[in-house]
C-alpha atoms as a PDB file:
ATOM      1  CA  MET A   1       0.005  -0.009   0.017  1.00  0.00           C
ATOM      2  CA  GLY A   2       1.306   3.494  -0.940  1.00  0.00           C
ATOM      3  CA  ASP A   3       1.272   6.579   1.205  1.00  0.00           C
ATOM      4  CA  THR A   4      -1.989   7.363   2.933  1.00  0.00           C
ATOM      5  CA  ILE A   5      -3.727  10.495   1.582  1.00  0.00           C
ATOM      6  CA  ILE A   6      -7.159  10.377   3.319  1.00  0.00           C
ATOM      7  CA  ARG A   7      -8.688   8.437   6.256  1.00  0.00           C
ATOM      8  CA  THR A   8     -12.294   8.079   7.023  1.00  0.00           C
ATOM      9  CA  ARG A   9     -14.144   6.123   9.697  1.00  0.00           C
ATOM     10  CA  ARG A  10     -13.987   2.865   7.776  1.00  0.00           C
ATOM     11  CA  LEU A  11     -11.592   3.472   4.895  1.00  0.00           C
ATOM     12  CA  ILE A  12      -7.990   4.348   4.046  1.00  0.00           C
ATOM     13  CA  LEU A  13      -7.415   6.028   0.738  1.00  0.00           C
ATOM     14  CA  SER A  14      -3.806   5.843  -0.402  1.00  0.00           C
ATOM     15  CA  LEU A  15      -1.645   6.209  -3.509  1.00  0.00           C
ATOM     16  CA  LEU A  16      -1.659   3.178  -5.790  1.00  0.00           C
ATOM     17  CA  ASP A  17       1.687   1.373  -6.322  1.00  0.00           C
ATOM     18  CA  ASP A  18       3.055  -1.814  -7.874  1.00  0.00           C
ATOM     19  CA  ASP A  19       1.925  -3.871  -4.894  1.00  0.00           C
ATOM     20  CA  ASP A  20      -1.693  -3.250  -6.034  1.00  0.00           C
ATOM     21  CA  ALA A  21      -1.146  -4.972  -9.382  1.00  0.00           C
ATOM     22  CA  ALA A  22      -3.124  -8.142  -8.545  1.00  0.00           C
ATOM     23  CA  PHE A  23      -6.031  -6.202  -7.097  1.00  0.00           C
ATOM     24  CA  ILE A  24      -6.105  -3.985 -10.257  1.00  0.00           C
ATOM     25  CA  VAL A  25      -6.242  -7.027 -12.507  1.00  0.00           C
ATOM     26  CA  GLU A  26      -9.219  -8.260 -10.565  1.00  0.00           C
ATOM     27  CA  LEU A  27     -11.066  -4.932 -10.455  1.00  0.00           C
ATOM     28  CA  LEU A  28     -10.585  -4.023 -14.164  1.00  0.00           C
ATOM     29  CA  ASN A  29     -11.843  -7.446 -15.290  1.00  0.00           C
ATOM     30  CA  GLU A  30     -15.086  -7.499 -13.309  1.00  0.00           C
ATOM     31  CA  PRO A  31     -18.109  -7.561 -15.625  1.00  0.00           C
ATOM     32  CA  ALA A  32     -19.547  -4.368 -14.197  1.00  0.00           C
ATOM     33  CA  PHE A  33     -16.264  -2.476 -14.701  1.00  0.00           C
ATOM     34  CA  LYS A  34     -16.116  -3.557 -18.352  1.00  0.00           C
ATOM     35  CA  GLN A  35     -19.742  -2.778 -18.884  1.00  0.00           C
ATOM     36  CA  PHE A  36     -19.879   0.693 -17.460  1.00  0.00           C
ATOM     37  CA  ILE A  37     -16.277   1.977 -17.703  1.00  0.00           C
ATOM     38  CA  GLY A  38     -14.665  -0.024 -20.428  1.00  0.00           C
ATOM     39  CA  ASP A  39     -12.200  -2.787 -21.155  1.00  0.00           C
ATOM     40  CA  LYS A  40      -8.662  -1.595 -20.207  1.00  0.00           C
ATOM     41  CA  ARG A  41      -7.104  -4.783 -21.583  1.00  0.00           C
ATOM     42  CA  VAL A  42      -5.285  -5.426 -18.396  1.00  0.00           C
ATOM     43  CA  HIS A  43      -4.917  -9.166 -17.788  1.00  0.00           C
ATOM     44  CA  THR A  44      -1.500  -9.742 -16.284  1.00  0.00           C
ATOM     45  CA  LEU A  45       0.520  -8.288 -13.372  1.00  0.00           C
ATOM     46  CA  GLN A  46       2.863  -6.552 -15.722  1.00  0.00           C
ATOM     47  CA  GLU A  47       0.053  -4.929 -17.677  1.00  0.00           C
ATOM     48  CA  ALA A  48      -1.418  -3.829 -14.356  1.00  0.00           C
ATOM     49  CA  ARG A  49       1.841  -2.230 -13.361  1.00  0.00           C
ATOM     50  CA  ASP A  50       2.005  -0.520 -16.768  1.00  0.00           C
ATOM     51  CA  TYR A  51      -1.461   0.719 -16.283  1.00  0.00           C
ATOM     52  CA  LEU A  52      -0.661   2.152 -12.920  1.00  0.00           C
ATOM     53  CA  ARG A  53       2.508   3.817 -14.195  1.00  0.00           C
ATOM     54  CA  THR A  54       0.869   5.473 -17.188  1.00  0.00           C
ATOM     55  CA  GLY A  55      -2.492   6.156 -15.480  1.00  0.00           C
ATOM     56  CA  PRO A  56      -2.862   6.925 -11.729  1.00  0.00           C
ATOM     57  CA  ARG A  57       0.858   7.541 -11.018  1.00  0.00           C
ATOM     58  CA  ALA A  58       1.303   9.756 -14.048  1.00  0.00           C
ATOM     59  CA  ASN A  59      -1.599  11.824 -12.816  1.00  0.00           C
ATOM     60  CA  TYR A  60      -0.083  12.191  -9.389  1.00  0.00           C
ATOM     61  CA  ASP A  61       3.008  13.673 -10.919  1.00  0.00           C
ATOM     62  CA  LYS A  62       1.256  15.816 -13.506  1.00  0.00           C
ATOM     63  CA  ASN A  63      -1.743  17.069 -11.658  1.00  0.00           C
ATOM     64  CA  GLY A  64      -1.046  16.483  -7.917  1.00  0.00           C
ATOM     65  CA  PHE A  65      -3.982  14.110  -7.747  1.00  0.00           C
ATOM     66  CA  GLY A  66      -5.337  10.935  -9.296  1.00  0.00           C
ATOM     67  CA  LEU A  67      -7.232   7.721  -8.507  1.00  0.00           C
ATOM     68  CA  LEU A  68      -6.541   6.396  -5.045  1.00  0.00           C
ATOM     69  CA  ARG A  69      -6.642   2.800  -3.638  1.00  0.00           C
ATOM     70  CA  VAL A  70      -9.576   2.463  -1.208  1.00  0.00           C
ATOM     71  CA  GLY A  71      -8.810  -0.031   1.464  1.00  0.00           C
ATOM     72  CA  LEU A  72     -10.568  -1.223   4.550  1.00  0.00           C
ATOM     73  CA  VAL A  73      -8.957  -0.621   7.917  1.00  0.00           C
ATOM     74  CA  ASP A  74      -7.490  -4.202   7.786  1.00  0.00           C
ATOM     75  CA  ASP A  75      -5.858  -3.214   4.436  1.00  0.00           C
ATOM     76  CA  THR A  76      -8.279  -5.239   2.292  1.00  0.00           C
ATOM     77  CA  PRO A  77      -8.539  -3.504  -1.105  1.00  0.00           C
ATOM     78  CA  ALA A  78     -12.178  -2.583  -1.891  1.00  0.00           C
ATOM     79  CA  GLY A  79     -11.916  -0.247  -4.919  1.00  0.00           C
ATOM     80  CA  ILE A  80     -10.532   2.952  -6.374  1.00  0.00           C
ATOM     81  CA  CYS A  81     -11.719   6.523  -6.029  1.00  0.00           C
ATOM     82  CA  GLY A  82     -10.195   9.872  -6.849  1.00  0.00           C
ATOM     83  CA  LEU A  83      -9.866  12.723  -9.288  1.00  0.00           C
ATOM     84  CA  LEU A  84      -8.822  12.595 -12.915  1.00  0.00           C
ATOM     85  CA  TRP A  85      -8.126  15.145 -15.635  1.00  0.00           C
ATOM     86  CA  ARG A  86      -9.328  13.515 -18.810  1.00  0.00           C
ATOM     87  CA  GLU A  87      -8.542  14.454 -22.366  1.00  0.00           C
ATOM     88  CA  GLY A  88     -11.486  16.438 -23.743  1.00  0.00           C
ATOM     89  CA  LEU A  89     -12.644  17.728 -20.388  1.00  0.00           C
ATOM     90  CA  ASP A  90     -11.809  21.104 -18.926  1.00  0.00           C
ATOM     91  CA  GLN A  91     -12.446  20.337 -15.340  1.00  0.00           C
ATOM     92  CA  PRO A  92     -11.357  17.588 -12.892  1.00  0.00           C
ATOM     93  CA  ASP A  93     -13.508  14.467 -12.868  1.00  0.00           C
ATOM     94  CA  LEU A  94     -14.519  12.252  -9.995  1.00  0.00           C
ATOM     95  CA  GLY A  95     -14.006   8.583 -10.715  1.00  0.00           C
ATOM     96  CA  PHE A  96     -14.770   5.507  -8.615  1.00  0.00           C
ATOM     97  CA  ALA A  97     -15.011   1.754  -9.052  1.00  0.00           C
ATOM     98  CA  PHE A  98     -15.417  -0.963  -6.389  1.00  0.00           C
ATOM     99  CA  LEU A  99     -15.192  -4.725  -6.352  1.00  0.00           C
ATOM    100  CA  GLN A 100     -18.733  -6.199  -6.528  1.00  0.00           C
ATOM    101  CA  GLU A 101     -18.278  -8.054  -3.243  1.00  0.00           C
ATOM    102  CA  HIS A 102     -18.100  -4.639  -1.437  1.00  0.00           C
ATOM    103  CA  TRP A 103     -21.197  -3.172  -3.055  1.00  0.00           C
ATOM    104  CA  GLY A 104     -24.117  -2.198  -0.926  1.00  0.00           C
ATOM    105  CA  ARG A 105     -22.064  -1.218   2.140  1.00  0.00           C
ATOM    106  CA  GLY A 106     -21.749   2.575   1.595  1.00  0.00           C
ATOM    107  CA  TYR A 107     -18.116   2.429   0.889  1.00  0.00           C
ATOM    108  CA  ALA A 108     -18.361   4.249  -2.505  1.00  0.00           C
ATOM    109  CA  ARG A 109     -20.308   7.114  -1.028  1.00  0.00           C
ATOM    110  CA  GLU A 110     -18.001   7.368   2.002  1.00  0.00           C
ATOM    111  CA  ALA A 111     -14.807   7.418  -0.210  1.00  0.00           C
ATOM    112  CA  ALA A 112     -16.194   9.793  -2.800  1.00  0.00           C
ATOM    113  CA  ALA A 113     -17.356  12.247  -0.113  1.00  0.00           C
ATOM    114  CA  ALA A 114     -13.956  12.250   1.410  1.00  0.00           C
ATOM    115  CA  VAL A 115     -12.306  12.821  -1.974  1.00  0.00           C
ATOM    116  CA  LEU A 116     -14.673  15.803  -2.668  1.00  0.00           C
ATOM    117  CA  GLU A 117     -13.842  17.271   0.744  1.00  0.00           C
ATOM    118  CA  TYR A 118     -10.130  16.837   0.002  1.00  0.00           C
ATOM    119  CA  ALA A 119     -10.569  18.508  -3.374  1.00  0.00           C
ATOM    120  CA  ALA A 120     -12.280  21.542  -1.821  1.00  0.00           C
ATOM    121  CA  ARG A 121     -10.221  22.064   1.275  1.00  0.00           C
ATOM    122  CA  VAL A 122      -6.749  20.879   0.276  1.00  0.00           C
ATOM    123  CA  LEU A 123      -6.665  21.242  -3.459  1.00  0.00           C
ATOM    124  CA  SER A 124      -8.934  24.386  -3.555  1.00  0.00           C
ATOM    125  CA  LEU A 125     -10.917  23.013  -6.463  1.00  0.00           C
ATOM    126  CA  THR A 126     -14.272  24.724  -6.851  1.00  0.00           C
ATOM    127  CA  GLN A 127     -15.713  22.959  -9.859  1.00  0.00           C
ATOM    128  CA  ILE A 128     -15.732  19.103 -10.242  1.00  0.00           C
ATOM    129  CA  ILE A 129     -17.546  17.009 -12.829  1.00  0.00           C
ATOM    130  CA  ALA A 130     -18.364  13.392 -13.129  1.00  0.00           C
ATOM    131  CA  ILE A 131     -19.087  11.318 -16.326  1.00  0.00           C
ATOM    132  CA  VAL A 132     -21.278   8.228 -16.316  1.00  0.00           C
ATOM    133  CA  SER A 133     -22.875   5.892 -18.809  1.00  0.00           C
ATOM    134  CA  ALA A 134     -26.575   6.483 -19.255  1.00  0.00           C
ATOM    135  CA  ASP A 135     -27.317   2.931 -18.092  1.00  0.00           C
ATOM    136  CA  ASN A 136     -25.188   3.083 -14.975  1.00  0.00           C
ATOM    137  CA  LEU A 137     -28.079   3.739 -12.652  1.00  0.00           C
ATOM    138  CA  ARG A 138     -26.218   2.946  -9.435  1.00  0.00           C
ATOM    139  CA  SER A 139     -23.521   5.511 -10.110  1.00  0.00           C
ATOM    140  CA  ILE A 140     -26.040   8.114 -11.261  1.00  0.00           C
ATOM    141  CA  ALA A 141     -27.906   7.664  -7.965  1.00  0.00           C
ATOM    142  CA  LEU A 142     -24.687   8.003  -5.987  1.00  0.00           C
ATOM    143  CA  LEU A 143     -23.795  11.238  -7.777  1.00  0.00           C
ATOM    144  CA  GLY A 144     -27.169  12.673  -6.803  1.00  0.00           C
ATOM    145  CA  LYS A 145     -26.537  11.752  -3.159  1.00  0.00           C
ATOM    146  CA  LEU A 146     -23.209  13.545  -3.394  1.00  0.00           C
ATOM    147  CA  GLY A 147     -24.764  16.733  -4.632  1.00  0.00           C
ATOM    148  CA  PHE A 148     -23.964  16.513  -8.325  1.00  0.00           C
ATOM    149  CA  HIS A 149     -26.461  17.823 -10.945  1.00  0.00           C
ATOM    150  CA  TYR A 150     -26.907  16.830 -14.491  1.00  0.00           C
ATOM    151  CA  GLN A 151     -25.222  19.104 -16.893  1.00  0.00           C
ATOM    152  CA  ASP A 152     -25.290  17.716 -20.493  1.00  0.00           C
ATOM    153  CA  ARG A 153     -24.102  14.866 -22.707  1.00  0.00           C
ATOM    154  CA  VAL A 154     -20.514  14.684 -23.928  1.00  0.00           C
ATOM    155  CA  ARG A 155     -18.437  12.453 -26.159  1.00  0.00           C
ATOM    156  CA  LEU A 156     -14.886  11.858 -25.068  1.00  0.00           C
ATOM    157  CA  PRO A 157     -12.037  11.710 -27.674  1.00  0.00           C
ATOM    158  CA  GLY A 158     -11.801   8.297 -29.295  1.00  0.00           C
ATOM    159  CA  GLU A 159     -15.178   7.074 -27.968  1.00  0.00           C
ATOM    160  CA  THR A 160     -18.254   6.274 -30.100  1.00  0.00           C
ATOM    161  CA  ASP A 161     -20.937   6.768 -27.449  1.00  0.00           C
ATOM    162  CA  ASP A 162     -21.994   9.851 -25.479  1.00  0.00           C
ATOM    163  CA  VAL A 163     -21.901   9.913 -21.712  1.00  0.00           C
ATOM    164  CA  PHE A 164     -23.795  11.977 -19.181  1.00  0.00           C
ATOM    165  CA  ARG A 165     -21.832  14.835 -17.519  1.00  0.00           C
ATOM    166  CA  TYR A 166     -22.742  15.799 -13.971  1.00  0.00           C
ATOM    167  CA  HIS A 167     -21.446  18.910 -12.219  1.00  0.00           C
ATOM    168  CA  LEU A 168     -20.692  19.900  -8.592  1.00  0.00           C
ATOM    169  CA  THR A 169     -19.685  23.312  -7.119  1.00  0.00           C
ATOM    170  CA  THR A 170     -17.654  22.797  -3.926  1.00  0.00           C
ATOM    171  CA  ILE A 171     -17.036  25.166  -1.039  1.00  0.00           C
ATOM    172  CA  ALA A 172     -13.280  25.635  -1.382  1.00  0.00           C
ATOM    173  CA  THR A 173     -10.697  27.121   0.800  1.00  0.00           C
ATOM    174  CA  PRO A 174     -10.266  30.862   0.210  1.00  0.00           C
ATOM    175  CA  GLN A 175      -6.905  31.422  -1.573  1.00  0.00           C
ATOM    176  CA  PRO A 176      -5.030  34.487  -2.498  1.00  0.00           C
ATOM    177  CA  ALA A 177      -4.246  34.944  -6.168  1.00  0.00           C
ATOM    178  CA  GLY A 178      -1.862  32.223  -7.288  1.00  0.00           C
ATOM    179  CA  LYS A 179      -1.700  28.441  -7.619  1.00  0.00           C
ATOM    180  CA  LEU A 180      -0.975  25.752  -5.040  1.00  0.00           C
ATOM    181  CA  ARG A 181       0.411  22.417  -6.061  1.00  0.00           C
ATOM    182  CA  ARG A 182       2.313  19.493  -4.670  1.00  0.00           C
ATOM    183  CA  ALA A 183       6.110  19.892  -4.946  1.00  0.00           C
ATOM    184  CA  ALA A 184       8.094  17.720  -7.464  1.00  0.00           C
ATOM    185  CA  GLY A 185      11.821  16.876  -7.705  1.00  0.00           C
ATOM    186  CA  ARG A 186      12.353  19.719 -10.224  1.00  0.00           C
ATOM    187  CA  ASP A 187      11.503  22.247  -7.444  1.00  0.00           C
ATOM    188  CA  ALA A 188      14.317  21.299  -5.106  1.00  0.00           C
ATOM    189  CA  ASP A 189      16.847  23.973  -6.079  1.00  0.00           C
ATOM    190  CA  ALA A 190      14.225  26.781  -6.252  1.00  0.00           C
ATOM    191  CA  LEU A 191      12.698  25.919  -2.904  1.00  0.00           C
ATOM    192  CA  SER A 192      16.170  25.699  -1.313  1.00  0.00           C
ATOM    193  CA  ALA A 193      17.008  29.157  -2.600  1.00  0.00           C
ATOM    194  CA  LEU A 194      13.615  30.492  -1.439  1.00  0.00           C
ATOM    195  CA  ALA A 195      14.053  29.061   2.063  1.00  0.00           C
ATOM    196  CA  PHE A 196      17.568  30.669   2.217  1.00  0.00           C
ATOM    197  CA  ARG A 197      16.227  34.078   1.214  1.00  0.00           C
ATOM    198  CA  ALA A 198      13.297  33.814   3.630  1.00  0.00           C
ATOM    199  CA  LYS A 199      15.593  32.960   6.535  1.00  0.00           C
ATOM    200  CA  ALA A 200      17.944  35.766   5.645  1.00  0.00           C
ATOM    201  CA  HIS A 201      15.032  38.214   5.781  1.00  0.00           C
ATOM    202  CA  TRP A 202      15.537  38.239   9.569  1.00  0.00           C
ATOM    203  CA  ASP A 203      18.948  39.964   9.215  1.00  0.00           C
ATOM    204  CA  TYR A 204      20.980  36.928  10.328  1.00  0.00           C
ATOM    205  CA  ASP A 205      24.684  37.394   9.628  1.00  0.00           C
ATOM    206  CA  ALA A 206      26.679  35.476   7.062  1.00  0.00           C
ATOM    207  CA  ASN A 207      28.123  32.967   9.557  1.00  0.00           C
ATOM    208  CA  PHE A 208      24.664  32.142  10.948  1.00  0.00           C
ATOM    209  CA  MET A 209      23.247  31.607   7.479  1.00  0.00           C
ATOM    210  CA  ALA A 210      26.222  29.388   6.520  1.00  0.00           C
ATOM    211  CA  SER A 211      25.356  27.190   9.590  1.00  0.00           C
ATOM    212  CA  CYS A 212      21.784  26.876   8.481  1.00  0.00           C
ATOM    213  CA  LYS A 213      22.523  26.154   4.779  1.00  0.00           C
ATOM    214  CA  ASP A 214      22.273  22.380   4.954  1.00  0.00           C
ATOM    215  CA  GLU A 215      19.072  22.465   6.983  1.00  0.00           C
ATOM    216  CA  LEU A 216      17.577  24.907   4.481  1.00  0.00           C
ATOM    217  CA  SER A 217      18.528  22.743   1.433  1.00  0.00           C
ATOM    218  CA  TYR A 218      16.174  20.218  -0.254  1.00  0.00           C
ATOM    219  CA  SER A 219      17.032  17.424  -2.596  1.00  0.00           C
ATOM    220  CA  ARG A 220      15.206  16.183  -5.688  1.00  0.00           C
ATOM    221  CA  GLU A 221      14.776  12.776  -3.990  1.00  0.00           C
ATOM    222  CA  GLN A 222      12.747  14.395  -1.126  1.00  0.00           C
ATOM    223  CA  PHE A 223      10.125  15.648  -3.476  1.00  0.00           C
ATOM    224  CA  ASP A 224      10.084  12.744  -6.013  1.00  0.00           C
ATOM    225  CA  VAL A 225       8.714  10.422  -3.342  1.00  0.00           C
ATOM    226  CA  ALA A 226       5.075   9.583  -4.071  1.00  0.00           C
ATOM    227  CA  GLY A 227       2.832  11.298  -1.602  1.00  0.00           C
ATOM    228  CA  ASN A 228       5.334  13.850  -0.349  1.00  0.00           C
ATOM    229  CA  ARG A 229       3.583  16.494   1.714  1.00  0.00           C
ATOM    230  CA  THR A 230       5.348  19.605   0.376  1.00  0.00           C
ATOM    231  CA  TYR A 231       3.049  22.058  -1.218  1.00  0.00           C
ATOM    232  CA  VAL A 232       4.305  25.000  -3.415  1.00  0.00           C
ATOM    233  CA  TYR A 233       2.492  28.286  -3.930  1.00  0.00           C
ATOM    234  CA  GLU A 234       3.442  29.991  -7.146  1.00  0.00           C
ATOM    235  CA  ARG A 235       2.536  33.073  -9.183  1.00  0.00           C
ATOM    236  CA  ASP A 236       3.175  33.314 -12.845  1.00  0.00           C
ATOM    237  CA  GLY A 237       4.981  29.974 -12.717  1.00  0.00           C
ATOM    238  CA  GLN A 238       7.379  31.108  -9.984  1.00  0.00           C
ATOM    239  CA  ALA A 239       7.461  29.590  -6.478  1.00  0.00           C
ATOM    240  CA  VAL A 240       6.828  32.275  -3.903  1.00  0.00           C
ATOM    241  CA  ALA A 241       6.106  30.110  -0.853  1.00  0.00           C
ATOM    242  CA  PHE A 242       5.991  26.605   0.339  1.00  0.00           C
ATOM    243  CA  TYR A 243       5.396  24.341   3.304  1.00  0.00           C
ATOM    244  CA  VAL A 244       6.480  20.886   4.297  1.00  0.00           C
ATOM    245  CA  LEU A 245       4.590  18.388   6.559  1.00  0.00           C
ATOM    246  CA  GLU A 246       6.455  15.400   8.067  1.00  0.00           C
ATOM    247  CA  GLN A 247       5.235  12.444  10.061  1.00  0.00           C
ATOM    248  CA  LYS A 248       7.425  12.060  13.134  1.00  0.00           C
ATOM    249  CA  GLU A 249       7.590   8.883  15.088  1.00  0.00           C
ATOM    250  CA  HIS A 250       6.991  10.387  18.542  1.00  0.00           C
ATOM    251  CA  SER A 251       5.244  13.711  18.056  1.00  0.00           C
ATOM    252  CA  GLY A 252       2.969  13.036  15.058  1.00  0.00           C
ATOM    253  CA  ILE A 253       2.509  15.436  12.177  1.00  0.00           C
ATOM    254  CA  GLU A 254       4.898  18.385  12.204  1.00  0.00           C
ATOM    255  CA  LEU A 255       5.126  21.489  10.153  1.00  0.00           C
ATOM    256  CA  GLU A 256       8.744  20.998   9.138  1.00  0.00           C
ATOM    257  CA  ALA A 257       8.927  24.325   7.237  1.00  0.00           C
ATOM    258  CA  LEU A 258       6.957  27.205   6.014  1.00  0.00           C
ATOM    259  CA  PHE A 259       8.649  29.885   4.014  1.00  0.00           C
ATOM    260  CA  VAL A 260       7.359  32.879   2.113  1.00  0.00           C
ATOM    261  CA  GLU A 261       9.369  35.003  -0.419  1.00  0.00           C
ATOM    262  CA  PRO A 262      10.265  38.229   1.536  1.00  0.00           C
ATOM    263  CA  ASP A 263       8.620  40.439  -1.089  1.00  0.00           C
ATOM    264  CA  CYS A 264       5.280  38.515  -0.636  1.00  0.00           C
ATOM    265  CA  ILE A 265       5.158  38.719   3.145  1.00  0.00           C
ATOM    266  CA  GLY A 266       1.970  40.435   4.389  1.00  0.00           C
ATOM    267  CA  GLN A 267      -0.226  39.320   1.460  1.00  0.00           C
ATOM    268  CA  GLY A 268      -2.016  36.534   3.317  1.00  0.00           C
ATOM    269  CA  ILE A 269       0.003  33.743   1.671  1.00  0.00           C
ATOM    270  CA  GLY A 270       1.550  32.455   4.905  1.00  0.00           C
ATOM    271  CA  SER A 271      -1.841  32.349   6.684  1.00  0.00           C
ATOM    272  CA  TYR A 272      -3.372  30.525   3.716  1.00  0.00           C
ATOM    273  CA  LEU A 273      -0.566  27.945   3.705  1.00  0.00           C
ATOM    274  CA  LEU A 274      -0.895  27.364   7.395  1.00  0.00           C
ATOM    275  CA  ARG A 275      -4.672  26.817   7.074  1.00  0.00           C
ATOM    276  CA  HIS A 276      -4.021  24.475   4.167  1.00  0.00           C
ATOM    277  CA  ALA A 277      -1.453  22.529   6.318  1.00  0.00           C
ATOM    278  CA  GLN A 278      -4.033  22.187   9.105  1.00  0.00           C
ATOM    279  CA  ALA A 279      -6.568  20.833   6.549  1.00  0.00           C
ATOM    280  CA  GLU A 280      -4.021  18.368   5.243  1.00  0.00           C
ATOM    281  CA  ALA A 281      -3.137  17.263   8.793  1.00  0.00           C
ATOM    282  CA  ALA A 282      -6.878  16.800   9.583  1.00  0.00           C
ATOM    283  CA  LEU A 283      -7.375  14.572   6.630  1.00  0.00           C
ATOM    284  CA  LEU A 284      -4.458  12.404   7.841  1.00  0.00           C
ATOM    285  CA  GLY A 285      -6.365  11.953  11.124  1.00  0.00           C
ATOM    286  CA  ALA A 286      -4.096  14.330  13.218  1.00  0.00           C
ATOM    287  CA  HIS A 287      -5.518  16.198  16.161  1.00  0.00           C
ATOM    288  CA  ARG A 288      -2.600  18.693  16.412  1.00  0.00           C
ATOM    289  CA  LEU A 289       0.122  20.209  14.332  1.00  0.00           C
ATOM    290  CA  ILE A 290       3.623  20.599  15.982  1.00  0.00           C
ATOM    291  CA  ILE A 291       5.545  23.595  14.878  1.00  0.00           C
ATOM    292  CA  GLN A 292       9.268  24.356  15.519  1.00  0.00           C
ATOM    293  CA  SER A 293       9.484  28.068  14.726  1.00  0.00           C
ATOM    294  CA  ASP A 294      12.092  30.668  14.135  1.00  0.00           C
ATOM    295  CA  PRO A 295      11.892  33.106  17.075  1.00  0.00           C
ATOM    296  CA  ASN A 296      11.010  35.927  14.642  1.00  0.00           C
ATOM    297  CA  ALA A 297       8.006  33.988  13.355  1.00  0.00           C
ATOM    298  CA  ALA A 298       6.566  33.153  16.769  1.00  0.00           C
ATOM    299  CA  GLY A 299       4.111  35.981  16.721  1.00  0.00           C
ATOM    300  CA  PHE A 300       2.660  34.667  13.426  1.00  0.00           C
ATOM    301  CA  TYR A 301       1.919  31.292  14.889  1.00  0.00           C
ATOM    302  CA  LEU A 302       0.550  32.718  18.126  1.00  0.00           C
ATOM    303  CA  ALA A 303      -1.830  34.935  16.140  1.00  0.00           C
ATOM    304  CA  ALA A 304      -2.999  31.816  14.281  1.00  0.00           C
ATOM    305  CA  GLY A 305      -4.050  30.179  17.545  1.00  0.00           C
ATOM    306  CA  ALA A 306      -0.986  28.107  18.275  1.00  0.00           C
ATOM    307  CA  VAL A 307      -0.005  27.497  21.965  1.00  0.00           C
ATOM    308  CA  ALA A 308       3.527  27.511  23.282  1.00  0.00           C
ATOM    309  CA  MET A 309       4.719  24.122  24.527  1.00  0.00           C
ATOM    310  CA  GLY A 310       8.367  24.637  25.225  1.00  0.00           C
ATOM    311  CA  GLN A 311      11.613  24.719  23.235  1.00  0.00           C
ATOM    312  CA  ARG A 312      13.640  22.428  21.110  1.00  0.00           C
ATOM    313  CA  GLU A 313      17.351  22.606  20.122  1.00  0.00           C
ATOM    314  CA  SER A 314      18.152  23.849  16.610  1.00  0.00           C
ATOM    315  CA  GLY A 315      19.237  21.202  14.178  1.00  0.00           C
ATOM    316  CA  SER A 316      21.871  23.617  12.739  1.00  0.00           C
ATOM    317  CA  ILE A 317      23.371  25.437  15.746  1.00  0.00           C
ATOM    318  CA  ALA A 318      24.112  23.551  18.927  1.00  0.00           C
ATOM    319  CA  GLY A 319      22.809  25.150  22.033  1.00  0.00           C
ATOM    320  CA  ARG A 320      20.367  27.436  20.156  1.00  0.00           C
ATOM    321  CA  MET A 321      16.906  26.863  21.474  1.00  0.00           C
ATOM    322  CA  LEU A 322      13.855  27.348  19.273  1.00  0.00           C
ATOM    323  CA  PRO A 323      10.204  27.930  20.376  1.00  0.00           C
ATOM    324  CA  LEU A 324       7.849  25.000  19.969  1.00  0.00           C
ATOM    325  CA  PHE A 325       4.139  25.350  19.371  1.00  0.00           C
ATOM    326  CA  GLU A 326       1.083  23.207  19.218  1.00  0.00           C
ATOM    327  CA  LEU A 327      -1.729  24.116  16.886  1.00  0.00           C
ATOM    328  CA  ARG A 328      -4.941  22.173  17.460  1.00  0.00           C
ATOM    329  CA  VAL A 329      -6.451  20.541  14.412  1.00  0.00           C
ATOM    330  CA  ARG A 330     -10.092  19.716  14.406  1.00  0.00           C
ATOM    331  CA  PRO A 331     -11.304  16.562  12.665  1.00  0.00           C
ATOM    332  CA  ALA A 332     -12.024  17.213   8.896  1.00  0.00           C
ATOM    333  CA  ARG A 333     -15.756  16.775   9.287  1.00  0.00           C
ATOM    334  CA  ASP A 334     -15.893  19.665  11.833  1.00  0.00           C
ATOM    335  CA  GLN A 335     -14.128  22.152   9.538  1.00  0.00           C
ATOM    336  CA  ARG A 336     -16.621  22.044   6.613  1.00  0.00           C
ATOM    337  CA  ASN A 337     -17.825  25.645   7.069  1.00  0.00           C
ATOM    338  CA  ASP A 338     -14.364  27.139   7.709  1.00  0.00           C
ATOM    339  CA  PHE A 339     -13.571  27.578   4.081  1.00  0.00           C
ATOM    340  CA  ASP A 340     -16.653  29.259   2.541  1.00  0.00           C
ATOM    341  CA  GLY A 341     -14.603  31.834   0.525  1.00  0.00           C
ATOM    342  CA  ALA A 342     -16.776  34.727   1.644  1.00  0.00           C
END
């Protein structure tokens, strides 16, 4: 099972990886899948791995989202659910499919609702569509329960039949002008330089900055890991801020870094990223976010509601103690009205 993206009461939604090949062969060859979605011509484990590489995993890298593995709490695979960006469509599309043995238990609705909440609160997507065959009555009924409304008929490139298109307007997290996306390996040098400039903004001397350089540097390998929790905020194609979440063995989810380009400080970007990090932590099941702060940024975190919980030694300079904060994270289901964009 790949990295966990979303947890619900009964389900774990995670990135698909090669270990899911046997499950994918089974799912894609069920009669209902072939009837309502199509024959993907996946019959062997290698064909399944190729499908995952060119399909879901390619979408993770290109769009920052894709189809996710839906597993039960005991790790039994039940289906797939997530967002796609299909050729011929101008908006992200909700997709789902479940093994027939798991039908009738509400898993599809539970998983789809969690994906839609993630799309609104973490990805800041406001418009989502779903396409469905006219005779797929079960899926049409589910889309209605999720709040989708019929829009029109559409024919996708390379297909011979029309499908129904349904539409949903979400309540997305308010966002300053710009674009938020998951970091990729190609961002490593730019984010390292941004972190260094943001740290130097506090008028530290050259010796101090030299001591911090390693801790402020990021590698391509860090961001090329599937499911990395580094998000980049960019304007006109240039990164102007980013944050990093890390899972720590003893303390749980930590905000490892949050840096804003000095020229962009005071524009609400840092506050937006912090809210986004809280939403991401909530979807991972965390109840608090631990923050090791630069002393100069302590006021920013206190103003956001963080509570001081002590100090921790710097990883760059021995004996230098840094303030440590705890920011409470409410469960995702309790934050639904916090992001109404008003």
